[in-house]
């Protein structure tokens, strides 16, 4: 039976808490910087997983305002920090 190397391109959620910003758009930018998504390039996983590489592609951001328990001000943004 043949063997294959398979690359999986999942979308994962990275939660960054306590981001202080002037706006939700600014919070997206700051959270992206704080998350340092390139750190995943250096994490070691158990075989058969060889590596995980940050592909510099973000689908979207979901911004929740602290204290907004009913999530009425929660807003989605695209990768360009534009409200969607």
Protein backbone atom coordinates (compact mmCIF):
# COMPACT_ATOMS: atom_id res chain seq x y z
CA UNK A 1 0.00 0.00 0.00
CA UNK A 2 1.43 3.45 -0.91
CA UNK A 3 2.24 6.08 1.72
CA UNK A 4 1.45 9.77 1.47
CA UNK A 5 2.43 13.05 3.11
CA UNK A 6 -0.68 15.09 3.75
CA UNK A 7 -0.79 18.80 4.61
CA UNK A 8 -3.98 19.88 6.36
CA UNK A 9 -4.98 23.54 6.17
CA UNK A 10 -7.26 24.10 9.16
CA UNK A 11 -8.62 27.34 10.49
CA UNK A 12 -7.91 27.60 14.21
CA UNK A 13 -9.12 30.06 16.81
CA UNK A 14 -6.52 31.92 18.86
CA UNK A 15 -8.07 33.82 21.79
CA UNK A 16 -6.14 36.90 22.95
CA UNK A 17 -7.57 38.40 26.16
CA UNK A 18 -7.24 41.82 27.76
CA UNK A 19 -6.37 43.70 24.56
CA UNK A 20 -6.41 47.44 25.27
CA UNK A 21 -7.27 49.44 22.14
CA UNK A 22 -8.95 52.61 20.93
CA UNK A 23 -11.43 50.69 18.74
CA UNK A 24 -12.43 47.19 17.77
CA UNK A 25 -10.42 47.50 14.55
CA UNK A 26 -7.36 48.55 16.56
CA UNK A 27 -7.99 45.61 18.90
CA UNK A 28 -7.81 43.23 15.91
CA UNK A 29 -4.45 44.67 14.84
CA UNK A 30 -3.03 44.56 18.35
CA UNK A 31 -4.29 41.03 19.00
CA UNK A 32 -2.66 39.80 15.79
CA UNK A 33 0.66 41.32 16.89
CA UNK A 34 0.37 39.97 20.44
CA UNK A 35 -0.49 36.44 19.27
CA UNK A 36 2.82 36.05 17.38
CA UNK A 37 1.34 33.37 15.13
CA UNK A 38 4.81 32.49 13.85
CA UNK A 39 5.45 30.81 17.20
CA UNK A 40 3.57 27.79 15.84
CA UNK A 41 6.45 27.24 13.40
CA UNK A 42 8.60 26.14 16.36
CA UNK A 43 6.22 23.92 18.32
CA UNK A 44 7.02 20.20 18.33
CA UNK A 45 4.23 17.68 18.01
CA UNK A 46 3.99 13.95 18.48
CA UNK A 47 4.53 11.75 15.42
CA UNK A 48 3.21 11.39 12.83
CA UNK A 49 2.80 15.20 12.80
CA UNK A 50 6.06 16.70 11.54
CA UNK A 51 5.37 20.41 11.77
CA UNK A 52 2.82 23.19 11.84
CA UNK A 53 3.58 26.34 9.86
CA UNK A 54 1.73 29.67 10.03
CA UNK A 55 0.67 30.33 6.45
CA UNK A 56 0.17 34.10 6.87
CA UNK A 57 -3.53 33.78 6.14
CA UNK A 58 -6.23 34.99 8.51
CA UNK A 59 -9.86 34.49 7.61
CA UNK A 60 -11.49 36.77 10.16
CA UNK A 61 -11.58 38.26 13.65
CA UNK A 62 -14.40 38.13 16.19
CA UNK A 63 -14.20 40.97 18.70
CA UNK A 64 -16.08 40.71 22.00
CA UNK A 65 -16.08 43.71 24.32
CA UNK A 66 -15.33 42.87 27.94
CA UNK A 67 -18.36 43.47 30.13
CA UNK A 68 -20.79 42.92 27.23
CA UNK A 69 -22.26 39.75 28.73
CA UNK A 70 -25.05 39.54 26.11
CA UNK A 71 -22.51 39.95 23.22
CA UNK A 72 -24.57 42.75 21.67
CA UNK A 73 -21.43 44.62 20.61
CA UNK A 74 -19.58 41.54 19.33
CA UNK A 75 -18.46 42.19 15.76
CA UNK A 76 -16.81 40.18 12.96
CA UNK A 77 -13.96 41.68 10.89
CA UNK A 78 -12.20 40.36 7.80
CA UNK A 79 -8.43 40.00 7.46
CA UNK A 80 -8.20 43.69 6.44
CA UNK A 81 -9.87 44.73 9.72
CA UNK A 82 -13.09 45.70 7.90
CA UNK A 83 -16.45 44.99 9.53
CA UNK A 84 -18.27 42.08 7.91
